[in-house]
Amino acid sequence: MCRNITTLRGLEPPATDEEITAAALQFVRKVTGVTKVSDATREPVEQATQEITDIVTRLLDALPERRQPPKTVPPLRRAEVQARIAQRIKEREEHERLHEQGIAHTH
């Protein structure tokens, strides 16, 4: 199994839609070899991710509760990952601001 896909069943609180979607996208990336979504791959990757998200959501709802929580913490629940995501969002917003104001910058 891909080391980046963590066990979502048995989490407390339960896995969020965002965590399930992240795991589905990671699965799609792994099986397709698509590491960066482009215009040519966007639609099929998004469709597959949504379908897998729906399947996993139904599966998690149908399974009985675990006796013990999973041993690994999903990435989206780790402080260092949340900090990286926040930094990327901040950088993206700053980049968009530069575009909106017509300020020269590098890509």
PDB file of N, CA and C in Angstrom:
ATOM      1  N   MET A   1       0.845  -1.183   0.000  1.00  0.00           N
ATOM      2  CA  MET A   1       0.000   0.000   0.000  1.00  0.00           C
ATOM      3  C   MET A   1       0.886   1.240   0.000  1.00  0.00           C
ATOM      4  N   CYS A   2       0.370   2.265  -0.602  1.00  0.00           N
ATOM      5  CA  CYS A   2       1.091   3.530  -0.636  1.00  0.00           C
ATOM      6  C   CYS A   2       1.278   4.032   0.792  1.00  0.00           C
ATOM      7  N   ARG A   3       2.462   4.410   1.142  1.00  0.00           N
ATOM      8  CA  ARG A   3       2.723   4.824   2.520  1.00  0.00           C
ATOM      9  C   ARG A   3       2.015   6.117   2.898  1.00  0.00           C
ATOM     10  N   ASN A   4       1.545   6.884   1.901  1.00  0.00           N
ATOM     11  CA  ASN A   4       0.878   8.151   2.199  1.00  0.00           C
ATOM     12  C   ASN A   4      -0.620   7.997   2.444  1.00  0.00           C
ATOM     13  N   ILE A   5      -1.146   6.813   2.229  1.00  0.00           N
ATOM     14  CA  ILE A   5      -2.560   6.592   2.497  1.00  0.00           C
ATOM     15  C   ILE A   5      -2.649   5.962   3.877  1.00  0.00           C
ATOM     16  N   THR A   6      -3.306   6.650   4.799  1.00  0.00           N
ATOM     17  CA  THR A   6      -3.409   6.163   6.164  1.00  0.00           C
ATOM     18  C   THR A   6      -4.780   5.556   6.410  1.00  0.00           C
ATOM     19  N   THR A   7      -4.867   4.772   7.460  1.00  0.00           N
ATOM     20  CA  THR A   7      -6.123   4.152   7.841  1.00  0.00           C
ATOM     21  C   THR A   7      -7.078   5.227   8.357  1.00  0.00           C
ATOM     22  N   LEU A   8      -8.264   5.271   7.791  1.00  0.00           N
ATOM     23  CA  LEU A   8      -9.251   6.270   8.190  1.00  0.00           C
ATOM     24  C   LEU A   8     -10.332   5.676   9.091  1.00  0.00           C
ATOM     25  N   ARG A   9     -10.490   4.389   9.055  1.00  0.00           N
ATOM     26  CA  ARG A   9     -11.512   3.735   9.879  1.00  0.00           C
ATOM     27  C   ARG A   9     -11.071   3.743  11.337  1.00  0.00           C
ATOM     28  N   GLY A  10     -11.957   4.164  12.210  1.00  0.00           N
ATOM     29  CA  GLY A  10     -11.677   4.131  13.639  1.00  0.00           C
ATOM     30  C   GLY A  10     -11.078   5.400  14.201  1.00  0.00           C
ATOM     31  N   LEU A  11     -10.968   6.420  13.381  1.00  0.00           N
ATOM     32  CA  LEU A  11     -10.424   7.684  13.883  1.00  0.00           C
ATOM     33  C   LEU A  11     -11.414   8.330  14.842  1.00  0.00           C
ATOM     34  N   GLU A  12     -10.869   9.060  15.786  1.00  0.00           N
ATOM     35  CA  GLU A  12     -11.701   9.800  16.730  1.00  0.00           C
ATOM     36  C   GLU A  12     -11.216  11.233  16.772  1.00  0.00           C
ATOM     37  N   PRO A  13     -11.944  12.211  16.304  1.00  0.00           N
ATOM     38  CA  PRO A  13     -13.260  12.094  15.689  1.00  0.00           C
ATOM     39  C   PRO A  13     -13.160  11.388  14.335  1.00  0.00           C
ATOM     40  N   PRO A  14     -14.293  10.941  13.797  1.00  0.00           N
ATOM     41  CA  PRO A  14     -14.289  10.195  12.525  1.00  0.00           C
ATOM     42  C   PRO A  14     -13.630  10.978  11.395  1.00  0.00           C
ATOM     43  N   ALA A  15     -13.194  10.245  10.389  1.00  0.00           N
ATOM     44  CA  ALA A  15     -12.550  10.858   9.225  1.00  0.00           C
ATOM     45  C   ALA A  15     -13.460  11.902   8.604  1.00  0.00           C
ATOM     46  N   THR A  16     -12.864  13.017   8.233  1.00  0.00           N
ATOM     47  CA  THR A  16     -13.620  14.104   7.607  1.00  0.00           C
ATOM     48  C   THR A  16     -13.713  13.857   6.098  1.00  0.00           C
ATOM     49  N   ASP A  17     -14.613  14.583   5.448  1.00  0.00           N
ATOM     50  CA  ASP A  17     -14.717  14.503   3.989  1.00  0.00           C
ATOM     51  C   ASP A  17     -13.387  14.892   3.349  1.00  0.00           C
ATOM     52  N   GLU A  18     -12.728  15.890   3.911  1.00  0.00           N
ATOM     53  CA  GLU A  18     -11.441  16.343   3.376  1.00  0.00           C
ATOM     54  C   GLU A  18     -10.381  15.233   3.469  1.00  0.00           C
ATOM     55  N   GLU A  19     -10.353  14.508   4.581  1.00  0.00           N
ATOM     56  CA  GLU A  19      -9.382  13.421   4.744  1.00  0.00           C
ATOM     57  C   GLU A  19      -9.670  12.268   3.781  1.00  0.00           C
ATOM     58  N   ILE A  20     -10.937  11.969   3.592  1.00  0.00           N
ATOM     59  CA  ILE A  20     -11.308  10.891   2.667  1.00  0.00           C
ATOM     60  C   ILE A  20     -10.946  11.287   1.236  1.00  0.00           C
ATOM     61  N   THR A  21     -11.238  12.519   0.862  1.00  0.00           N
ATOM     62  CA  THR A  21     -10.902  12.993  -0.479  1.00  0.00           C
ATOM     63  C   THR A  21      -9.388  13.005  -0.694  1.00  0.00           C
ATOM     64  N   ALA A  22      -8.628  13.419   0.301  1.00  0.00           N
ATOM     65  CA  ALA A  22      -7.160  13.432   0.191  1.00  0.00           C
ATOM     66  C   ALA A  22      -6.623  12.019  -0.019  1.00  0.00           C
ATOM     67  N   ALA A  23      -7.178  11.049   0.702  1.00  0.00           N
ATOM     68  CA  ALA A  23      -6.744   9.660   0.535  1.00  0.00           C
ATOM     69  C   ALA A  23      -7.121   9.149  -0.858  1.00  0.00           C
ATOM     70  N   ALA A  24      -8.314   9.506  -1.332  1.00  0.00           N
ATOM     71  CA  ALA A  24      -8.751   9.086  -2.664  1.00  0.00           C
ATOM     72  C   ALA A  24      -7.843   9.678  -3.739  1.00  0.00           C
ATOM     73  N   LEU A  25      -7.512  10.955  -3.609  1.00  0.00           N
ATOM     74  CA  LEU A  25      -6.622  11.595  -4.583  1.00  0.00           C
ATOM     75  C   LEU A  25      -5.242  10.946  -4.555  1.00  0.00           C
ATOM     76  N   GLN A  26      -4.743  10.627  -3.377  1.00  0.00           N
ATOM     77  CA  GLN A  26      -3.438   9.984  -3.271  1.00  0.00           C
ATOM     78  C   GLN A  26      -3.465   8.622  -3.957  1.00  0.00           C
ATOM     79  N   PHE A  27      -4.562   7.889  -3.787  1.00  0.00           N
ATOM     80  CA  PHE A  27      -4.722   6.590  -4.446  1.00  0.00           C
ATOM     81  C   PHE A  27      -4.729   6.762  -5.964  1.00  0.00           C
ATOM     82  N   VAL A  28      -5.497   7.720  -6.457  1.00  0.00           N
ATOM     83  CA  VAL A  28      -5.570   7.967  -7.904  1.00  0.00           C
ATOM     84  C   VAL A  28      -4.192   8.337  -8.444  1.00  0.00           C
ATOM     85  N   ARG A  29      -3.483   9.196  -7.742  1.00  0.00           N
ATOM     86  CA  ARG A  29      -2.135   9.574  -8.180  1.00  0.00           C
ATOM     87  C   ARG A  29      -1.206   8.368  -8.230  1.00  0.00           C
ATOM     88  N   LYS A  30      -1.310   7.515  -7.229  1.00  0.00           N
ATOM     89  CA  LYS A  30      -0.432   6.348  -7.156  1.00  0.00           C
ATOM     90  C   LYS A  30      -0.695   5.380  -8.308  1.00  0.00           C
ATOM     91  N   VAL A  31      -1.963   5.043  -8.550  1.00  0.00           N
ATOM     92  CA  VAL A  31      -2.259   4.033  -9.574  1.00  0.00           C
ATOM     93  C   VAL A  31      -2.105   4.569 -10.997  1.00  0.00           C
ATOM     94  N   THR A  32      -2.205   5.894 -11.182  1.00  0.00           N
ATOM     95  CA  THR A  32      -2.078   6.450 -12.529  1.00  0.00           C
ATOM     96  C   THR A  32      -0.686   6.970 -12.836  1.00  0.00           C
ATOM     97  N   GLY A  33       0.078   7.265 -11.807  1.00  0.00           N
ATOM     98  CA  GLY A  33       1.386   7.861 -12.027  1.00  0.00           C
ATOM     99  C   GLY A  33       1.310   9.353 -12.285  1.00  0.00           C
ATOM    100  N   VAL A  34       0.123   9.936 -12.153  1.00  0.00           N
ATOM    101  CA  VAL A  34      -0.054  11.384 -12.343  1.00  0.00           C
ATOM    102  C   VAL A  34       0.369  12.063 -11.048  1.00  0.00           C
ATOM    103  N   THR A  35       1.482  12.768 -11.094  1.00  0.00           N
ATOM    104  CA  THR A  35       1.964  13.429  -9.883  1.00  0.00           C
ATOM    105  C   THR A  35       1.488  14.866  -9.798  1.00  0.00           C
ATOM    106  N   LYS A  36       1.266  15.484 -10.961  1.00  0.00           N
ATOM    107  CA  LYS A  36       0.776  16.853 -10.994  1.00  0.00           C
ATOM    108  C   LYS A  36      -0.352  16.916 -12.014  1.00  0.00           C
ATOM    109  N   VAL A  37      -1.508  17.358 -11.559  1.00  0.00           N
ATOM    110  CA  VAL A  37      -2.674  17.413 -12.431  1.00  0.00           C
ATOM    111  C   VAL A  37      -2.495  18.540 -13.449  1.00  0.00           C
ATOM    112  N   SER A  38      -2.714  18.211 -14.718  1.00  0.00           N
ATOM    113  CA  SER A  38      -2.626  19.199 -15.797  1.00  0.00           C
ATOM    114  C   SER A  38      -4.012  19.362 -16.416  1.00  0.00           C
ATOM    115  N   ASP A  39      -4.110  20.238 -17.381  1.00  0.00           N
ATOM    116  CA  ASP A  39      -5.393  20.410 -18.072  1.00  0.00           C
ATOM    117  C   ASP A  39      -5.826  19.104 -18.739  1.00  0.00           C
ATOM    118  N   ALA A  40      -4.866  18.330 -19.236  1.00  0.00           N
ATOM    119  CA  ALA A  40      -5.180  17.076 -19.922  1.00  0.00           C
ATOM    120  C   ALA A  40      -5.647  15.981 -18.968  1.00  0.00           C
ATOM    121  N   THR A  41      -5.216  16.035 -17.709  1.00  0.00           N
ATOM    122  CA  THR A  41      -5.566  14.980 -16.756  1.00  0.00           C
ATOM    123  C   THR A  41      -6.597  15.399 -15.721  1.00  0.00           C
ATOM    124  N   ARG A  42      -6.892  16.692 -15.646  1.00  0.00           N
ATOM    125  CA  ARG A  42      -7.759  17.209 -14.584  1.00  0.00           C
ATOM    126  C   ARG A  42      -9.115  16.511 -14.503  1.00  0.00           C
ATOM    127  N   GLU A  43      -9.855  16.456 -15.592  1.00  0.00           N
ATOM    128  CA  GLU A  43     -11.206  15.903 -15.548  1.00  0.00           C
ATOM    129  C   GLU A  43     -11.234  14.431 -15.128  1.00  0.00           C
ATOM    130  N   PRO A  44     -10.433  13.549 -15.765  1.00  0.00           N
ATOM    131  CA  PRO A  44     -10.491  12.147 -15.338  1.00  0.00           C
ATOM    132  C   PRO A  44      -9.994  11.928 -13.909  1.00  0.00           C
ATOM    133  N   VAL A  45      -8.988  12.686 -13.487  1.00  0.00           N
ATOM    134  CA  VAL A  45      -8.475  12.548 -12.122  1.00  0.00           C
ATOM    135  C   VAL A  45      -9.531  13.016 -11.119  1.00  0.00           C
ATOM    136  N   GLU A  46     -10.160  14.156 -11.385  1.00  0.00           N
ATOM    137  CA  GLU A  46     -11.196  14.649 -10.476  1.00  0.00           C
ATOM    138  C   GLU A  46     -12.392  13.709 -10.412  1.00  0.00           C
ATOM    139  N   GLN A  47     -12.792  13.164 -11.564  1.00  0.00           N
ATOM    140  CA  GLN A  47     -13.925  12.239 -11.588  1.00  0.00           C
ATOM    141  C   GLN A  47     -13.603  10.968 -10.807  1.00  0.00           C
ATOM    142  N   ALA A  48     -12.426  10.393 -11.042  1.00  0.00           N
ATOM    143  CA  ALA A  48     -12.030   9.183 -10.325  1.00  0.00           C
ATOM    144  C   ALA A  48     -11.917   9.446  -8.829  1.00  0.00           C
ATOM    145  N   THR A  49     -11.348  10.581  -8.469  1.00  0.00           N
ATOM    146  CA  THR A  49     -11.212  10.931  -7.053  1.00  0.00           C
ATOM    147  C   THR A  49     -12.578  11.035  -6.390  1.00  0.00           C
ATOM    148  N   GLN A  50     -13.538  11.670  -7.071  1.00  0.00           N
ATOM    149  CA  GLN A  50     -14.881  11.805  -6.507  1.00  0.00           C
ATOM    150  C   GLN A  50     -15.557  10.444  -6.356  1.00  0.00           C
ATOM    151  N   GLU A  51     -15.410   9.590  -7.359  1.00  0.00           N
ATOM    152  CA  GLU A  51     -16.024   8.259  -7.291  1.00  0.00           C
ATOM    153  C   GLU A  51     -15.424   7.439  -6.148  1.00  0.00           C
ATOM    154  N   ILE A  52     -14.107   7.488  -6.001  1.00  0.00           N
ATOM    155  CA  ILE A  52     -13.447   6.748  -4.931  1.00  0.00           C
ATOM    156  C   ILE A  52     -13.822   7.333  -3.577  1.00  0.00           C
ATOM    157  N   THR A  53     -13.915   8.654  -3.489  1.00  0.00           N
ATOM    158  CA  THR A  53     -14.354   9.303  -2.245  1.00  0.00           C
ATOM    159  C   THR A  53     -15.737   8.797  -1.848  1.00  0.00           C
ATOM    160  N   ASP A  54     -16.651   8.737  -2.803  1.00  0.00           N
ATOM    161  CA  ASP A  54     -18.008   8.262  -2.523  1.00  0.00           C
ATOM    162  C   ASP A  54     -17.999   6.807  -2.052  1.00  0.00           C
ATOM    163  N   ILE A  55     -17.213   5.979  -2.724  1.00  0.00           N
ATOM    164  CA  ILE A  55     -17.134   4.557  -2.357  1.00  0.00           C
ATOM    165  C   ILE A  55     -16.559   4.394  -0.952  1.00  0.00           C
ATOM    166  N   VAL A  56     -15.481   5.103  -0.660  1.00  0.00           N
ATOM    167  CA  VAL A  56     -14.835   4.982   0.654  1.00  0.00           C
ATOM    168  C   VAL A  56     -15.760   5.504   1.751  1.00  0.00           C
ATOM    169  N   THR A  57     -16.480   6.586   1.480  1.00  0.00           N
ATOM    170  CA  THR A  57     -17.424   7.116   2.469  1.00  0.00           C
ATOM    171  C   THR A  57     -18.484   6.072   2.794  1.00  0.00           C
ATOM    172  N   ARG A  58     -19.047   5.451   1.764  1.00  0.00           N
ATOM    173  CA  ARG A  58     -20.059   4.399   2.001  1.00  0.00           C
ATOM    174  C   ARG A  58     -19.447   3.220   2.737  1.00  0.00           C
ATOM    175  N   LEU A  59     -18.237   2.842   2.367  1.00  0.00           N
ATOM    176  CA  LEU A  59     -17.569   1.718   3.008  1.00  0.00           C
ATOM    177  C   LEU A  59     -17.328   1.989   4.490  1.00  0.00           C
ATOM    178  N   LEU A  60     -16.801   3.163   4.813  1.00  0.00           N
ATOM    179  CA  LEU A  60     -16.541   3.501   6.213  1.00  0.00           C
ATOM    180  C   LEU A  60     -17.835   3.530   7.022  1.00  0.00           C
ATOM    181  N   ASP A  61     -18.915   3.998   6.400  1.00  0.00           N
ATOM    182  CA  ASP A  61     -20.216   4.030   7.083  1.00  0.00           C
ATOM    183  C   ASP A  61     -20.759   2.625   7.321  1.00  0.00           C
ATOM    184  N   ALA A  62     -20.455   1.696   6.424  1.00  0.00           N
ATOM    185  CA  ALA A  62     -21.006   0.340   6.509  1.00  0.00           C
ATOM    186  C   ALA A  62     -20.230  -0.584   7.452  1.00  0.00           C
ATOM    187  N   LEU A  63     -18.955  -0.297   7.664  1.00  0.00           N
ATOM    188  CA  LEU A  63     -18.122  -1.176   8.489  1.00  0.00           C
ATOM    189  C   LEU A  63     -18.412  -0.970   9.976  1.00  0.00           C
ATOM    190  N   PRO A  64     -18.258  -2.041  10.759  1.00  0.00           N
ATOM    191  CA  PRO A  64     -18.431  -1.879  12.212  1.00  0.00           C
ATOM    192  C   PRO A  64     -17.272  -1.057  12.785  1.00  0.00           C
ATOM    193  N   GLU A  65     -17.486  -0.533  13.976  1.00  0.00           N
ATOM    194  CA  GLU A  65     -16.438   0.255  14.632  1.00  0.00           C
ATOM    195  C   GLU A  65     -15.231  -0.619  14.930  1.00  0.00           C
ATOM    196  N   ARG A  66     -14.069   0.012  14.932  1.00  0.00           N
ATOM    197  CA  ARG A  66     -12.834  -0.703  15.294  1.00  0.00           C
ATOM    198  C   ARG A  66     -12.742  -0.807  16.802  1.00  0.00           C
ATOM    199  N   ARG A  67     -12.069  -1.839  17.232  1.00  0.00           N
ATOM    200  CA  ARG A  67     -11.859  -1.992  18.678  1.00  0.00           C
ATOM    201  C   ARG A  67     -10.774  -1.063  19.180  1.00  0.00           C
ATOM    202  N   GLN A  68      -9.794  -0.792  18.309  1.00  0.00           N
ATOM    203  CA  GLN A  68      -8.703   0.111  18.670  1.00  0.00           C
ATOM    204  C   GLN A  68      -8.503   1.099  17.532  1.00  0.00           C
ATOM    205  N   PRO A  69      -8.099   2.315  17.853  1.00  0.00           N
ATOM    206  CA  PRO A  69      -7.867   3.308  16.796  1.00  0.00           C
ATOM    207  C   PRO A  69      -6.657   2.913  15.946  1.00  0.00           C
ATOM    208  N   PRO A  70      -6.562   3.448  14.729  1.00  0.00           N
ATOM    209  CA  PRO A  70      -5.395   3.160  13.892  1.00  0.00           C
ATOM    210  C   PRO A  70      -4.113   3.656  14.556  1.00  0.00           C
ATOM    211  N   LYS A  71      -2.998   3.042  14.180  1.00  0.00           N
ATOM    212  CA  LYS A  71      -1.710   3.382  14.793  1.00  0.00           C
ATOM    213  C   LYS A  71      -1.107   4.661  14.234  1.00  0.00           C
ATOM    214  N   THR A  72      -1.497   5.029  13.018  1.00  0.00           N
ATOM    215  CA  THR A  72      -0.931   6.231  12.406  1.00  0.00           C
ATOM    216  C   THR A  72      -1.960   7.360  12.404  1.00  0.00           C
ATOM    217  N   VAL A  73      -1.458   8.558  12.475  1.00  0.00           N
ATOM    218  CA  VAL A  73      -2.307   9.753  12.447  1.00  0.00           C
ATOM    219  C   VAL A  73      -2.359  10.240  11.000  1.00  0.00           C
ATOM    220  N   PRO A  74      -3.562  10.452  10.458  1.00  0.00           N
ATOM    221  CA  PRO A  74      -3.640  10.944   9.075  1.00  0.00           C
ATOM    222  C   PRO A  74      -2.892  12.262   8.917  1.00  0.00           C
ATOM    223  N   PRO A  75      -2.295  12.476   7.738  1.00  0.00           N
ATOM    224  CA  PRO A  75      -1.511  13.693   7.523  1.00  0.00           C
ATOM    225  C   PRO A  75      -2.259  14.983   7.847  1.00  0.00           C
ATOM    226  N   LEU A  76      -3.532  15.061   7.471  1.00  0.00           N
ATOM    227  CA  LEU A  76      -4.266  16.312   7.693  1.00  0.00           C
ATOM    228  C   LEU A  76      -4.495  16.609   9.166  1.00  0.00           C
ATOM    229  N   ARG A  77      -4.176  15.662  10.049  1.00  0.00           N
ATOM    230  CA  ARG A  77      -4.311  15.889  11.494  1.00  0.00           C
ATOM    231  C   ARG A  77      -2.966  16.203  12.149  1.00  0.00           C
ATOM    232  N   ARG A  78      -1.910  16.273  11.353  1.00  0.00           N
ATOM    233  CA  ARG A  78      -0.583  16.555  11.888  1.00  0.00           C
ATOM    234  C   ARG A  78      -0.289  18.053  11.809  1.00  0.00           C
ATOM    235  N   ALA A  79       0.231  18.597  12.888  1.00  0.00           N
ATOM    236  CA  ALA A  79       0.492  20.039  12.962  1.00  0.00           C
ATOM    237  C   ALA A  79       1.448  20.502  11.871  1.00  0.00           C
ATOM    238  N   GLU A  80       2.490  19.727  11.591  1.00  0.00           N
ATOM    239  CA  GLU A  80       3.474  20.154  10.592  1.00  0.00           C
ATOM    240  C   GLU A  80       2.864  20.188   9.194  1.00  0.00           C
ATOM    241  N   VAL A  81       1.941  19.296   8.911  1.00  0.00           N
ATOM    242  CA  VAL A  81       1.267  19.289   7.611  1.00  0.00           C
ATOM    243  C   VAL A  81       0.326  20.491   7.517  1.00  0.00           C
ATOM    244  N   GLN A  82      -0.415  20.764   8.572  1.00  0.00           N
ATOM    245  CA  GLN A  82      -1.294  21.923   8.584  1.00  0.00           C
ATOM    246  C   GLN A  82      -0.498  23.212   8.395  1.00  0.00           C
ATOM    247  N   ALA A  83       0.685  23.281   8.982  1.00  0.00           N
ATOM    248  CA  ALA A  83       1.534  24.470   8.824  1.00  0.00           C
ATOM    249  C   ALA A  83       1.984  24.619   7.367  1.00  0.00           C
ATOM    250  N   ARG A  84       2.356  23.503   6.714  1.00  0.00           N
ATOM    251  CA  ARG A  84       2.763  23.557   5.303  1.00  0.00           C
ATOM    252  C   ARG A  84       1.599  23.994   4.417  1.00  0.00           C
ATOM    253  N   ILE A  85       0.401  23.464   4.695  1.00  0.00           N
ATOM    254  CA  ILE A  85      -0.779  23.842   3.915  1.00  0.00           C
ATOM    255  C   ILE A  85      -1.061  25.325   4.085  1.00  0.00           C
ATOM    256  N   ALA A  86      -1.007  25.814   5.311  1.00  0.00           N
ATOM    257  CA  ALA A  86      -1.252  27.239   5.575  1.00  0.00           C
ATOM    258  C   ALA A  86      -0.230  28.106   4.845  1.00  0.00           C
ATOM    259  N   GLN A  87       1.034  27.685   4.819  1.00  0.00           N
ATOM    260  CA  GLN A  87       2.083  28.430   4.133  1.00  0.00           C
ATOM    261  C   GLN A  87       1.829  28.473   2.631  1.00  0.00           C
ATOM    262  N   ARG A  88       1.418  27.327   2.038  1.00  0.00           N
ATOM    263  CA  ARG A  88       1.111  27.284   0.608  1.00  0.00           C
ATOM    264  C   ARG A  88      -0.051  28.202   0.266  1.00  0.00           C
ATOM    265  N   ILE A  89      -1.076  28.201   1.109  1.00  0.00           N
ATOM    266  CA  ILE A  89      -2.234  29.072   0.881  1.00  0.00           C
ATOM    267  C   ILE A  89      -1.804  30.530   0.937  1.00  0.00           C
ATOM    268  N   LYS A  90      -0.987  30.861   1.924  1.00  0.00           N
ATOM    269  CA  LYS A  90      -0.494  32.240   2.078  1.00  0.00           C
ATOM    270  C   LYS A  90       0.301  32.658   0.840  1.00  0.00           C
ATOM    271  N   GLU A  91       1.177  31.775   0.351  1.00  0.00           N
ATOM    272  CA  GLU A  91       1.991  32.084  -0.822  1.00  0.00           C
ATOM    273  C   GLU A  91       1.123  32.227  -2.068  1.00  0.00           C
ATOM    274  N   ARG A  92       0.125  31.355  -2.217  1.00  0.00           N
ATOM    275  CA  ARG A  92      -0.780  31.425  -3.363  1.00  0.00           C
ATOM    276  C   ARG A  92      -1.573  32.733  -3.344  1.00  0.00           C
ATOM    277  N   GLU A  93      -2.059  33.125  -2.170  1.00  0.00           N
ATOM    278  CA  GLU A  93      -2.809  34.376  -2.058  1.00  0.00           C
ATOM    279  C   GLU A  93      -1.923  35.578  -2.383  1.00  0.00           C
ATOM    280  N   GLU A  94      -0.681  35.541  -1.929  1.00  0.00           N
ATOM    281  CA  GLU A  94       0.255  36.629  -2.226  1.00  0.00           C
ATOM    282  C   GLU A  94       0.529  36.681  -3.728  1.00  0.00           C
ATOM    283  N   HIS A  95       0.704  35.549  -4.361  1.00  0.00           N
ATOM    284  CA  HIS A  95       0.947  35.480  -5.800  1.00  0.00           C
ATOM    285  C   HIS A  95      -0.247  36.061  -6.556  1.00  0.00           C
ATOM    286  N   GLU A  96      -1.456  35.679  -6.163  1.00  0.00           N
ATOM    287  CA  GLU A  96      -2.659  36.202  -6.810  1.00  0.00           C
ATOM    288  C   GLU A  96      -2.772  37.714  -6.609  1.00  0.00           C
ATOM    289  N   ARG A  97      -2.389  38.191  -5.430  1.00  0.00           N
ATOM    290  CA  ARG A  97      -2.419  39.624  -5.154  1.00  0.00           C
ATOM    291  C   ARG A  97      -1.472  40.362  -6.093  1.00  0.00           C
ATOM    292  N   LEU A  98      -0.272  39.808  -6.305  1.00  0.00           N
ATOM    293  CA  LEU A  98       0.687  40.426  -7.218  1.00  0.00           C
ATOM    294  C   LEU A  98       0.120  40.509  -8.631  1.00  0.00           C
ATOM    295  N   HIS A  99      -0.549  39.437  -9.070  1.00  0.00           N
ATOM    296  CA  HIS A  99      -1.174  39.453 -10.394  1.00  0.00           C
ATOM    297  C   HIS A  99      -2.251  40.529 -10.470  1.00  0.00           C
ATOM    298  N   GLU A 100      -3.107  40.581  -9.468  1.00  0.00           N
ATOM    299  CA  GLU A 100      -4.209  41.543  -9.465  1.00  0.00           C
ATOM    300  C   GLU A 100      -3.695  42.982  -9.503  1.00  0.00           C
ATOM    301  N   GLN A 101      -2.578  43.251  -8.847  1.00  0.00           N
ATOM    302  CA  GLN A 101      -2.030  44.612  -8.792  1.00  0.00           C
ATOM    303  C   GLN A 101      -1.061  44.890  -9.932  1.00  0.00           C
ATOM    304  N   GLY A 102      -0.809  43.865 -10.773  1.00  0.00           N
ATOM    305  CA  GLY A 102       0.077  44.063 -11.913  1.00  0.00           C
ATOM    306  C   GLY A 102       1.526  44.243 -11.522  1.00  0.00           C
ATOM    307  N   ILE A 103       1.917  43.691 -10.382  1.00  0.00           N
ATOM    308  CA  ILE A 103       3.291  43.810  -9.896  1.00  0.00           C
ATOM    309  C   ILE A 103       4.128  42.690 -10.513  1.00  0.00           C
ATOM    310  N   ALA A 104       5.284  43.069 -11.055  1.00  0.00           N
ATOM    311  CA  ALA A 104       6.171  42.089 -11.670  1.00  0.00           C
ATOM    312  C   ALA A 104       6.682  41.107 -10.611  1.00  0.00           C
ATOM    313  N   HIS A 105       6.732  39.843 -10.995  1.00  0.00           N
ATOM    314  CA  HIS A 105       7.224  38.797 -10.101  1.00  0.00           C
ATOM    315  C   HIS A 105       7.641  37.598 -10.934  1.00  0.00           C
ATOM    316  N   THR A 106       8.258  36.641 -10.295  1.00  0.00           N
ATOM    317  CA  THR A 106       8.684  35.427 -11.014  1.00  0.00           C
ATOM    318  C   THR A 106       7.731  34.278 -10.680  1.00  0.00           C
ATOM    319  N   HIS A 107       7.706  33.318 -11.574  1.00  0.00           N
ATOM    320  CA  HIS A 107       6.895  32.109 -11.361  1.00  0.00           C
ATOM    321  C   HIS A 107       7.790  30.952 -11.096  1.00  0.00           C
TER     322      HIS A 107
END
